Protein backbone atom coordinates (compact mmCIF):
# COMPACT_ATOMS: atom_id res chain seq x y z
CA UNK A 1 13.77 -9.24 26.72
CA UNK A 2 10.36 -7.51 25.64
CA UNK A 3 8.26 -5.95 28.66
CA UNK A 4 4.55 -4.84 27.67
CA UNK A 5 3.37 -2.05 29.92
CA UNK A 6 -0.47 -2.29 29.60
CA UNK A 7 -3.03 0.38 30.71
CA UNK A 8 -6.61 0.02 30.64
CA UNK A 9 -9.34 2.65 29.07
CA UNK A 10 -11.99 4.13 31.05
CA UNK A 11 -13.76 2.67 34.37
CA UNK A 12 -11.14 -0.30 34.43
CA UNK A 13 -7.92 -1.58 35.56
CA UNK A 14 -5.40 -3.96 35.39
CA UNK A 15 -8.02 -6.68 35.92
CA UNK A 16 -9.21 -6.84 32.67
CA UNK A 17 -6.02 -8.01 31.34
CA UNK A 18 -5.60 -11.32 33.24
CA UNK A 19 -5.96 -13.58 30.55
CA UNK A 20 -4.22 -11.61 27.75
CA UNK A 21 -1.21 -11.18 30.17
CA UNK A 22 -1.10 -15.02 31.36
CA UNK A 23 -0.69 -15.82 27.37
CA UNK A 24 2.08 -12.93 26.94
CA UNK A 25 4.24 -14.43 29.62
CA UNK A 26 3.64 -17.91 28.43
CA UNK A 27 5.24 -17.01 25.22
CA UNK A 28 8.09 -15.50 27.11
CA UNK A 29 7.22 -12.10 27.56
CA UNK A 30 7.04 -10.13 30.56
CA UNK A 31 4.52 -8.51 31.38
CA UNK A 32 3.15 -5.04 33.62
CA UNK A 33 -0.23 -3.94 34.16
CA UNK A 34 -0.56 0.13 35.16
CA UNK A 35 -2.58 0.52 38.05
CA UNK A 36 -3.98 3.76 37.50
CA UNK A 37 -5.30 6.09 40.53
CA UNK A 38 -8.22 5.50 41.10
CA UNK A 39 -9.15 2.91 39.12
CA UNK A 40 -7.20 -0.21 40.53
CA UNK A 41 -4.22 1.71 41.61
CA UNK A 42 -4.57 3.90 44.97
CA UNK A 43 -7.43 5.68 45.99
CA UNK A 44 -7.60 9.76 45.24
CA UNK A 45 -6.40 11.73 48.84
CA UNK A 46 -8.60 13.10 50.30
CA UNK A 47 -8.37 16.90 48.55
CA UNK A 48 -6.24 15.44 45.71
CA UNK A 49 -6.93 16.52 42.08
CA UNK A 50 -6.92 13.06 40.15
CA UNK A 51 -6.18 14.27 36.34
CA UNK A 52 -4.30 13.25 33.42
CA UNK A 53 -0.93 14.23 34.88
CA UNK A 54 -1.48 11.80 37.57
CA UNK A 55 -2.10 8.88 35.03
CA UNK A 56 0.82 10.25 33.33
CA UNK A 57 2.63 9.87 36.16
CA UNK A 58 1.36 6.72 37.23
CA UNK A 59 2.70 5.35 33.73
CA UNK A 60 5.92 6.73 34.10
CA UNK A 61 6.95 5.35 36.96
CA UNK A 62 6.65 1.66 35.38
CA UNK A 63 8.64 3.09 32.59
CA UNK A 64 11.31 3.98 34.50
CA UNK A 65 11.02 1.19 36.69
CA UNK A 66 11.35 -1.52 33.96
CA UNK A 67 13.82 0.59 32.31
CA UNK A 68 16.28 0.77 35.34
CA UNK A 69 16.71 -3.17 33.96
CA UNK A 70 19.25 -3.75 31.78
CA UNK A 71 18.07 -5.43 28.48
CA UNK A 72 14.19 -4.69 28.50
CA UNK A 73 12.72 -3.59 25.58
CA UNK A 74 9.47 -1.50 25.96
CA UNK A 75 6.03 -2.45 24.24
CA UNK A 76 3.48 0.25 25.57
CA UNK A 77 -0.12 -0.69 25.15
CA UNK A 78 -2.96 1.97 25.82
CA UNK A 79 -6.63 0.99 25.55
CA UNK A 80 -9.27 3.41 25.11
CA UNK A 81 -8.54 6.35 27.08
CA UNK A 82 -5.94 4.45 28.37
CA UNK A 83 -3.67 5.82 25.53
CA UNK A 84 -3.64 9.26 26.99
CA UNK A 85 -1.42 8.82 30.02
CA UNK A 86 0.51 5.99 27.10
CA UNK A 87 1.13 9.01 25.22
CA UNK A 88 1.99 11.10 27.69
CA UNK A 89 4.50 9.26 29.37
CA UNK A 90 5.97 8.07 26.47
CA UNK A 91 6.37 11.48 24.50
CA UNK A 92 8.58 12.24 28.31
CA UNK A 93 10.46 8.78 27.74
CA UNK A 94 10.64 8.71 24.25
CA UNK A 95 13.84 7.04 24.14
CA UNK A 96 13.13 4.34 26.15
CA UNK A 97 9.92 3.01 24.27
CA UNK A 98 10.23 0.28 21.27
CA UNK A 99 6.53 0.75 20.35
CA UNK A 100 2.98 2.20 21.11
CA UNK A 101 -0.13 -0.05 20.40
CA UNK A 102 -3.11 1.81 20.38
CA UNK A 103 -5.91 -1.01 21.42
CA UNK A 104 -9.09 0.25 19.64
CA UNK A 105 -8.05 3.76 20.82
CA UNK A 106 -8.08 7.07 18.65
CA UNK A 107 -5.06 9.37 18.18
CA UNK A 108 -4.81 12.13 20.48
CA UNK A 109 -3.92 15.27 19.85
CA UNK A 110 -1.17 18.05 21.84
CA UNK A 111 -3.87 20.28 23.78
CA UNK A 112 -7.07 17.87 23.41
CA UNK A 113 -8.64 16.09 26.37
CA UNK A 114 -9.84 12.66 26.93
CA UNK A 115 -13.27 13.87 26.62
CA UNK A 116 -12.93 14.57 22.72
CA UNK A 117 -12.61 11.08 22.19
CA UNK A 118 -15.80 9.80 23.45
CA UNK A 119 -18.03 9.23 20.59
CA UNK A 120 -21.64 9.76 22.12
CA UNK A 121 -22.44 13.54 22.06
CA UNK A 122 -25.09 12.82 24.81
CA UNK A 123 -21.93 11.87 27.12
CA UNK A 124 -19.76 14.36 26.65
CA UNK A 125 -22.40 16.88 27.42
CA UNK A 126 -23.52 14.71 30.70
CA UNK A 127 -19.65 15.26 31.29
CA UNK A 128 -19.89 18.19 31.05
CA UNK A 129 -22.39 19.33 33.22
CA UNK A 130 -21.37 16.71 35.88
CA UNK A 131 -18.42 18.48 36.46
CA UNK A 132 -19.62 21.99 36.11
CA UNK A 133 -22.01 20.77 38.89
CA UNK A 134 -19.49 19.52 41.20
CA UNK A 135 -19.71 15.91 40.69
CA UNK A 136 -19.87 13.17 43.33
CA UNK A 137 -17.73 12.43 45.92
CA UNK A 138 -14.42 10.73 45.46
CA UNK A 139 -13.38 7.11 46.88
CA UNK A 140 -11.04 8.76 48.65
CA UNK A 141 -13.74 11.07 50.68
CA UNK A 142 -12.67 14.05 48.76
CA UNK A 143 -13.46 15.80 45.52
CA UNK A 144 -11.17 14.83 42.84
CA UNK A 145 -10.02 16.59 39.93
CA UNK A 146 -12.60 18.93 38.03
CA UNK A 147 -15.85 17.63 39.77
CA UNK A 148 -15.25 14.32 41.02
CA UNK A 149 -16.69 11.39 39.69
CA UNK A 150 -18.10 10.01 36.42
CA UNK A 151 -19.85 6.90 37.60
CA UNK A 152 -19.67 3.81 35.52
CA UNK A 153 -22.01 2.43 33.40
CA UNK A 154 -24.72 -0.17 34.22
CA UNK A 155 -24.68 -3.85 32.68
CA UNK A 156 -26.78 -2.35 29.87
CA UNK A 157 -24.80 1.28 29.39
CA UNK A 158 -21.29 -0.08 27.95
CA UNK A 159 -22.26 0.15 24.63
CA UNK A 160 -22.11 3.99 24.74
CA UNK A 161 -18.93 3.43 25.10
CA UNK A 162 -17.94 1.26 22.60
CA UNK A 163 -19.51 -2.14 21.08
CA UNK A 164 -19.88 -4.79 23.30
CA UNK A 165 -19.66 -7.38 20.50
CA UNK A 166 -17.54 -10.64 21.38
CA UNK A 167 -18.73 -10.35 25.04
CA UNK A 168 -19.95 -13.47 26.88
CA UNK A 169 -22.73 -13.03 29.44
CA UNK A 170 -19.75 -13.46 32.27
CA UNK A 171 -17.88 -11.12 30.63
CA UNK A 172 -20.15 -8.30 30.78
CA UNK A 173 -21.14 -9.06 34.00
CA UNK A 174 -17.82 -8.74 35.42
CA UNK A 175 -16.79 -5.94 33.53
CA UNK A 176 -19.52 -4.51 35.32
CA UNK A 177 -19.04 -5.40 38.35
CA UNK A 178 -15.40 -4.64 38.68
CA UNK A 179 -15.74 -0.63 37.02
CA UNK A 180 -14.52 2.12 38.87
CA UNK A 181 -15.95 5.64 39.11
CA UNK A 182 -13.84 7.64 36.39
CA UNK A 183 -12.02 10.56 38.17
CA UNK A 184 -13.44 13.63 35.96
CA UNK A 185 -10.08 15.41 35.81
CA UNK A 186 -8.58 12.25 33.41
CA UNK A 187 -11.38 13.33 30.84
CA UNK A 188 -11.06 17.14 30.66
CA UNK A 189 -7.67 17.97 31.49
CA UNK A 190 -5.72 18.41 27.94
CA UNK A 191 -2.82 16.16 26.80
CA UNK A 192 0.66 17.59 26.50
CA UNK A 193 2.95 16.77 24.14
CA UNK A 194 6.51 18.23 23.05
CA UNK A 195 6.00 16.00 19.74
CA UNK A 196 9.36 13.36 20.96
CA UNK A 197 6.47 10.55 20.91
CA UNK A 198 6.08 11.27 17.14
CA UNK A 199 9.36 9.42 16.35
CA UNK A 200 8.34 5.97 18.00
CA UNK A 201 7.00 3.19 16.25
CA UNK A 202 3.48 2.87 16.11
CA UNK A 203 1.00 -0.29 15.67
CA UNK A 204 -2.35 0.03 16.20
CA UNK A 205 -5.06 -2.59 16.71
CA UNK A 206 -8.49 -1.95 15.15
CA UNK A 207 -11.35 -3.74 16.70
CA UNK A 208 -13.88 -4.11 13.77
CA UNK A 209 -16.66 -5.12 15.49
CA UNK A 210 -16.47 -1.17 16.88
CA UNK A 211 -15.39 0.71 13.96
CA UNK A 212 -13.58 1.09 10.49
CA UNK A 213 -11.05 -1.72 9.37
CA UNK A 214 -7.64 -1.42 7.59
CA UNK A 215 -9.57 -0.74 4.26
CA UNK A 216 -11.38 2.20 5.06
CA UNK A 217 -8.42 3.68 6.66
CA UNK A 218 -6.60 3.18 3.31
CA UNK A 219 -9.52 5.04 1.80
CA UNK A 220 -9.09 7.92 3.93
CA UNK A 221 -5.55 8.25 3.65
CA UNK A 222 -6.36 8.08 -0.44
CA UNK A 223 -8.55 10.42 -0.47
CA UNK A 224 -6.34 12.70 1.12
CA UNK A 225 -7.59 13.45 5.31
CA UNK A 226 -5.22 15.51 6.56
CA UNK A 227 -5.87 13.56 10.27
CA UNK A 228 -4.78 10.43 8.75
CA UNK A 229 -1.62 11.59 6.68
CA UNK A 230 0.29 10.20 9.34
CA UNK A 231 -0.78 7.10 9.52
CA UNK A 232 1.18 5.81 6.07
CA UNK A 233 4.01 6.67 7.56
CA UNK A 234 6.44 3.38 7.41
CA UNK A 235 7.08 3.42 11.68
CA UNK A 236 3.02 2.70 11.58
CA UNK A 237 1.56 -0.94 11.30
CA UNK A 238 -1.89 -2.65 11.73
CA UNK A 239 -3.77 -5.23 12.50
CA UNK A 240 -7.46 -6.08 12.79
CA UNK A 241 -9.43 -8.30 15.55
CA UNK A 242 -12.56 -9.48 14.30
CA UNK A 243 -14.28 -8.14 17.87
CA UNK A 244 -16.35 -5.40 19.59
CA UNK A 245 -13.80 -2.42 22.23
CA UNK A 246 -12.81 -4.82 24.99
CA UNK A 247 -10.68 -7.50 23.14
CA UNK A 248 -8.86 -8.27 25.92
CA UNK A 249 -12.21 -9.62 27.61
CA UNK A 250 -13.45 -11.19 23.94
CA UNK A 251 -10.38 -13.03 22.61
CA UNK A 252 -7.45 -12.61 24.93
CA UNK A 253 -5.29 -15.16 23.26
CA UNK A 254 -5.76 -13.36 19.51
CA UNK A 255 -4.99 -10.13 21.32
CA UNK A 256 -1.94 -11.55 22.91
CA UNK A 257 -0.96 -12.92 19.76
CA UNK A 258 -1.52 -9.65 17.65
CA UNK A 259 1.08 -7.56 20.61
CA UNK A 260 3.13 -10.77 20.06
CA UNK A 261 3.29 -9.99 15.98
CA UNK A 262 3.43 -5.89 16.65
CA UNK A 263 6.28 -5.81 19.17
CA UNK A 264 8.45 -7.77 16.24
CA UNK A 265 7.14 -5.12 14.14
CA UNK A 266 4.80 -7.09 11.58
CA UNK A 267 1.40 -5.76 10.69
CA UNK A 268 -0.16 -4.06 7.42
CA UNK A 269 0.90 -0.90 6.35
CA UNK A 270 -0.60 1.55 4.46
CA UNK A 271 0.11 2.81 1.15
CA UNK A 272 0.31 6.85 -0.15
CA UNK A 273 -0.71 7.43 -3.57
CA UNK A 274 1.88 8.13 -6.05
CA UNK A 275 2.70 7.17 -9.65
CA UNK A 276 2.94 3.27 -8.57
CA UNK A 277 0.17 3.40 -6.49
CA UNK A 278 -3.36 4.89 -8.09
CA UNK A 279 -5.72 5.16 -4.90
CA UNK A 280 -8.66 2.40 -5.41
CA UNK A 281 -11.69 5.22 -5.58
CA UNK A 282 -9.71 6.62 -9.17
CA UNK A 283 -8.98 3.54 -10.55
CA UNK A 284 -10.90 2.78 -13.53
CA UNK A 285 -14.75 1.29 -13.64
CA UNK A 286 -15.33 -2.13 -13.94
CA UNK A 287 -17.43 -1.42 -17.15
CA UNK A 288 -16.09 0.58 -20.20
CA UNK A 289 -19.40 3.12 -20.79
CA UNK A 290 -19.37 5.71 -23.33
CA UNK A 291 -19.29 9.07 -22.70
CA UNK A 292 -22.15 11.32 -22.75
CA UNK A 293 -23.18 14.94 -22.70
CA UNK A 294 -22.64 16.81 -19.39
CA UNK A 295 -24.08 19.81 -17.93
CA UNK A 296 -22.26 21.13 -14.68
CA UNK A 297 -23.91 23.65 -12.76
CA UNK A 298 -22.84 24.54 -8.84
CA UNK A 299 -22.06 20.96 -7.28
CA UNK A 300 -24.18 19.05 -10.01
CA UNK A 301 -23.25 17.13 -13.14
CA UNK A 302 -26.02 16.22 -15.33
CA UNK A 303 -25.33 13.11 -17.94
CA UNK A 304 -27.84 13.01 -20.14
CA UNK A 305 -29.88 10.41 -22.57
CA UNK A 306 -30.25 11.23 -26.09
CA UNK A 307 -33.63 13.03 -26.91
CA UNK A 308 -35.41 15.64 -25.47
CA UNK A 309 -37.07 14.43 -22.47
CA UNK A 310 -39.04 14.41 -20.12
CA UNK A 311 -36.59 11.40 -19.04
CA UNK A 312 -36.58 9.87 -15.73
CA UNK A 313 -33.71 10.53 -13.48
CA UNK A 314 -31.08 8.85 -11.32
CA UNK A 315 -29.08 10.85 -8.51
CA UNK A 316 -26.29 9.36 -7.17
CA UNK A 317 -25.31 10.08 -3.71
CA UNK A 318 -21.42 9.75 -2.98
CA UNK A 319 -20.23 8.37 0.34
CA UNK A 320 -17.93 9.68 2.86
CA UNK A 321 -16.73 11.46 5.15
CA UNK A 322 -14.72 12.96 2.68
CA UNK A 323 -11.93 15.86 3.42
CA UNK A 324 -13.23 19.16 2.14
CA UNK A 325 -9.71 19.62 0.30
CA UNK A 326 -10.22 16.16 -1.80
CA UNK A 327 -9.43 16.70 -5.57
CA UNK A 328 -10.73 15.62 -7.90
CA UNK A 329 -14.39 15.45 -5.52
CA UNK A 330 -16.79 12.58 -5.48
CA UNK A 331 -18.56 13.65 -8.36
CA UNK A 332 -15.57 13.19 -10.75
CA UNK A 333 -14.80 9.82 -9.11
CA UNK A 334 -14.82 7.10 -11.74
CA UNK A 335 -17.35 4.82 -9.99
CA UNK A 336 -20.43 7.71 -9.74
CA UNK A 337 -19.33 9.28 -13.44
CA UNK A 338 -19.50 5.69 -14.38
CA UNK A 339 -22.77 4.86 -13.03
CA UNK A 340 -24.07 8.34 -14.26
CA UNK A 341 -22.98 7.15 -18.14
CA UNK A 342 -24.85 3.85 -17.81
CA UNK A 343 -28.04 5.35 -16.91
CA UNK A 344 -27.90 8.25 -19.34
CA UNK A 345 -27.10 5.86 -22.09
CA UNK A 346 -29.84 3.71 -21.61
CA UNK A 347 -32.50 6.47 -21.36
CA UNK A 348 -32.01 8.00 -17.74
CA UNK A 349 -30.71 11.84 -16.56
CA UNK A 350 -27.82 10.44 -14.48
CA UNK A 351 -27.43 12.98 -11.74
CA UNK A 352 -23.89 12.86 -9.85
CA UNK A 353 -23.37 16.05 -6.94
CA UNK A 354 -20.69 16.65 -4.31
CA UNK A 355 -22.34 17.10 -1.31
CA UNK A 356 -20.59 18.48 2.45
CA UNK A 357 -20.06 15.15 4.79
CA UNK A 358 -16.60 15.97 5.67
CA UNK A 359 -17.16 14.65 9.09
CA UNK A 360 -19.57 12.50 10.83
CA UNK A 361 -21.10 15.46 12.63
CA UNK A 362 -21.89 16.43 9.14
CA UNK A 363 -24.99 14.68 7.87
CA UNK A 364 -27.76 17.21 8.60
CA UNK A 365 -26.04 19.27 6.31
CA UNK A 366 -25.01 16.63 3.70
CA UNK A 367 -28.58 15.84 3.58
CA UNK A 368 -29.74 18.84 3.31
CA UNK A 369 -27.19 19.03 -0.22
CA UNK A 370 -28.88 16.30 -1.62
CA UNK A 371 -32.26 17.34 -1.05
CA UNK A 372 -31.66 20.79 -2.60
CA UNK A 373 -30.00 18.80 -5.32
CA UNK A 374 -33.04 16.01 -5.98
CA UNK A 375 -35.68 19.74 -5.87
CA UNK A 376 -33.14 21.31 -8.61
CA UNK A 377 -33.02 17.84 -10.52
CA UNK A 378 -36.90 18.15 -10.26
CA UNK A 379 -37.15 21.29 -11.45
CA UNK A 380 -35.43 20.68 -14.74
CA UNK A 381 -37.95 20.52 -17.94
CA UNK A 382 -35.63 17.60 -19.45
CA UNK A 383 -36.34 15.56 -16.39
CA UNK A 384 -39.79 13.70 -15.47
CA UNK A 385 -40.18 14.86 -12.00
CA UNK A 386 -42.60 11.99 -11.23
CA UNK A 387 -40.01 9.63 -12.16
CA UNK A 388 -36.68 9.87 -9.79
CA UNK A 389 -34.52 7.50 -8.02
CA UNK A 390 -31.77 7.82 -5.61
CA UNK A 391 -28.84 5.71 -5.21
CA UNK A 392 -26.34 5.88 -2.38
CA UNK A 393 -22.53 4.71 -2.00
CA UNK A 394 -21.35 4.07 1.49
CA UNK A 395 -21.25 5.90 4.02
CA UNK A 396 -23.89 8.15 2.26
CA UNK A 397 -26.07 5.12 3.52
CA UNK A 398 -27.28 6.88 6.73
CA UNK A 399 -29.18 9.56 5.07
CA UNK A 400 -31.53 6.76 2.93
CA UNK A 401 -33.16 7.33 6.09
CA UNK A 402 -34.58 10.50 5.16
CA UNK A 403 -35.96 9.08 2.39
CA UNK A 404 -37.62 5.82 3.81
CA UNK A 405 -39.56 7.65 6.15
CA UNK A 406 -42.91 8.36 4.01
CA UNK A 407 -41.30 8.41 0.86
CA UNK A 408 -43.19 10.85 -1.61
CA UNK A 409 -45.09 9.24 -4.65
CA UNK A 410 -42.26 10.55 -7.19
CA UNK A 411 -39.86 8.85 -5.27
CA UNK A 412 -39.96 5.41 -7.04
CA UNK A 413 -36.67 3.61 -5.97
CA UNK A 414 -33.55 3.69 -3.34
CA UNK A 415 -30.66 2.18 -4.20
CA UNK A 416 -27.81 1.52 -2.31
CA UNK A 417 -23.98 -0.15 -2.54
CA UNK A 418 -21.98 -1.30 0.30
CA UNK A 419 -23.93 1.29 2.30
CA UNK A 420 -23.50 1.63 5.85
CA UNK A 421 -27.27 1.17 7.49
CA UNK A 422 -26.85 2.39 10.54
CA UNK A 423 -24.52 4.81 12.73
CA UNK A 424 -21.47 3.02 13.43
CA UNK A 425 -20.81 2.47 17.25
CA UNK A 426 -17.72 5.23 17.42
CA UNK A 427 -19.92 8.13 15.87
CA UNK A 428 -22.27 8.92 18.80
CA UNK A 429 -24.97 9.44 16.21
CA UNK A 430 -27.28 6.46 17.81
CA UNK A 431 -29.90 8.61 18.58
CA UNK A 432 -30.10 10.56 15.34
CA UNK A 433 -32.68 10.28 12.77
CA UNK A 434 -29.92 9.19 10.20
CA UNK A 435 -31.02 5.60 10.68
CA UNK A 436 -32.13 3.39 8.11
CA UNK A 437 -32.80 0.03 10.26
CA UNK A 438 -35.04 2.56 12.36
CA UNK A 439 -36.64 3.95 9.27
CA UNK A 440 -37.25 0.83 6.95
CA UNK A 441 -40.92 0.44 8.87
CA UNK A 442 -41.93 3.69 7.53
CA UNK A 443 -40.77 2.79 3.74
CA UNK A 444 -44.36 1.60 2.52
CA UNK A 445 -43.74 -0.14 -0.61
CA UNK A 446 -40.94 2.08 -1.76
CA UNK A 447 -38.45 -0.27 -3.93
CA UNK A 448 -35.24 -0.67 -2.48
CA UNK A 449 -31.92 -2.16 -4.11
CA UNK A 450 -29.32 -3.41 -1.91
CA UNK A 451 -26.06 -3.99 -3.66
CA UNK A 452 -24.18 -6.40 -0.95
CA UNK A 453 -20.74 -6.68 -1.45
CA UNK A 454 -19.65 -10.40 -0.20
CA UNK A 455 -16.20 -9.16 1.76
CA UNK A 456 -17.49 -6.15 3.28
CA UNK A 457 -15.69 -5.15 6.65
CA UNK A 458 -17.65 -7.31 9.52
CA UNK A 459 -18.88 -3.47 11.13
CA UNK A 460 -20.87 -2.43 7.94
CA UNK A 461 -21.85 -5.93 7.05
CA UNK A 462 -23.96 -5.80 10.55
CA UNK A 463 -25.99 -2.56 9.75
CA UNK A 464 -26.62 -4.48 6.19
CA UNK A 465 -27.72 -7.58 8.35
CA UNK A 466 -29.66 -5.51 10.77
CA UNK A 467 -31.45 -3.26 8.26
CA UNK A 468 -32.18 -6.87 6.34
CA UNK A 469 -33.85 -8.33 9.46
CA UNK A 470 -35.71 -5.44 10.25
CA UNK A 471 -36.89 -5.29 6.45
CA UNK A 472 -38.13 -8.62 6.66
CA UNK A 473 -40.23 -8.37 9.94
CA UNK A 474 -41.80 -4.93 8.40
CA UNK A 475 -42.53 -6.46 4.99
CA UNK A 476 -40.37 -3.79 3.16
CA UNK A 477 -40.09 -4.33 -0.59
CA UNK A 478 -36.30 -4.95 -0.87
CA UNK A 479 -34.36 -6.69 -3.44
CA UNK A 480 -30.72 -7.78 -2.83
CA UNK A 481 -28.31 -8.19 -5.54
CA UNK A 482 -24.73 -9.97 -4.25
CA UNK A 483 -21.45 -9.54 -5.08
CA UNK A 484 -19.33 -12.53 -5.40
CA UNK A 485 -15.79 -12.04 -3.83
CA UNK A 486 -17.01 -8.35 -3.98
CA UNK A 487 -15.07 -5.61 -1.54
CA UNK A 488 -16.47 -2.18 -0.49
CA UNK A 489 -15.76 -0.15 -3.59
CA UNK A 490 -15.62 -2.86 -5.76
CA UNK A 491 -16.60 -0.93 -8.97
CA UNK A 492 -12.59 0.11 -9.26
CA UNK A 493 -11.45 -2.80 -6.62
CA UNK A 494 -12.76 -5.99 -8.19
CA UNK A 495 -13.42 -5.74 -12.04
CA UNK A 496 -14.60 -9.42 -12.21
CA UNK A 497 -17.43 -11.01 -14.59
CA UNK A 498 -19.38 -11.14 -11.00
CA UNK A 499 -19.13 -8.02 -10.00
CA UNK A 500 -19.71 -6.53 -13.94
CA UNK A 501 -22.92 -8.76 -13.64
CA UNK A 502 -24.22 -7.17 -10.25
CA UNK A 503 -24.10 -3.85 -11.95
CA UNK A 504 -25.92 -4.75 -14.98
CA UNK A 505 -28.07 -6.13 -12.67
CA UNK A 506 -28.79 -3.37 -10.11
CA UNK A 507 -28.90 -0.61 -13.02
CA UNK A 508 -31.66 -2.90 -14.65
CA UNK A 509 -33.33 -3.22 -11.80
CA UNK A 510 -33.52 0.57 -10.79
CA UNK A 511 -34.29 1.42 -14.41
CA UNK A 512 -37.27 -1.13 -14.29
CA UNK A 513 -38.77 0.89 -11.30
CA UNK A 514 -38.19 4.10 -12.99
CA UNK A 515 -40.33 2.67 -16.25
CA UNK A 516 -42.72 0.75 -14.16
């Protein structure tokens, strides 16, 4: 019999699994919910240090109790913070575990504390400050671990820990009412792994209302991100749920069904690039575009039109994050070179560049790289410095905010293909300047050409719709070009007539603004 051992995340306990557990039981499985010390389990004793090892021991106790019974196949499920004690325990009982499920949870590493997985930098700083200051009194009357407890978030503060998409008002009320303080030591003590857990089959359940889905992970594998290379191993599968960070509360029936499938070994597997599989971003551009003269200087390539100029210019800004080790680098990817040659053939200088967006913490340096390239391009005598457009792609979208905010007169147009137009909840950048939704009200009459993929992932599509709603509210000058049945990166994924027409329309719209 399959036995699901369910471990909840920060501030929560066994109560969050009630509906999911009932559905799993109805499907013939056995369910055990782990009551972590201080989070639904026993309170910390006076003077006791409650840390990650305490919670690992809590999970081990349940594993050992189940493993003592013959014929039990254990599936360990860790949500959010819960994946840390799950992995710590599974590493010590690897032979007893049939599968580990990461439920909207990260990929903890040996020697790294759970705090590192908290997306919001301000939250991380607050935790460290609270620990340094001694914290609050624990529920058992004594100091807990490293500085006591971290109080649970208020009702309107849960979104700092993950998207609340899909939660009803009643579910959010219940989440808040039953929340418990998180012992700080559980977030600050490093996870210790021997490596034994690396052989256990794994399933990731991705909540696409809170972060990337399978397509984005495949892109990361394709571009060679070493942090996700192991996700393409045969032992790893994935499912998506179109909801926020708490699926056990927003869609318990769907979650239960997913867990049953995961236990049976189902799910999507990522692929590794080889002779039989060309990564999506390196497949041919959907239009057959003639070659153009190219000049390379530093991190910048110019694709030149005929004639001496000066010509208008279009600067194409790739997405990301892209690992620093990725080869070829983005300026040589077919989508970027295809667009650059296409505009060069129609009388504008096409510019591709490599910027340093290697992690979501790199937007400052990437934005500076883009600004530097723009100034160098404008200084080129073959370029009309008063007729420049910027064209952003995917994860480069947040940089658009810099150019929407009081745009210079020489910037004639901004374009964006399948862009991220607000920081993802899991990035912890909500308060940064890289937030186009907030910036569009300051764009004046700057033309914006937005190319929207019909089959965009839910989390990215939500940022686009939020941007369009704000643009409509403030009267921004936005033209939307839809790509029927198009996916994220459609230029190399979907060589359809509809996608080709969208590319021609978008290029025409941008060049018209440069010539006007």
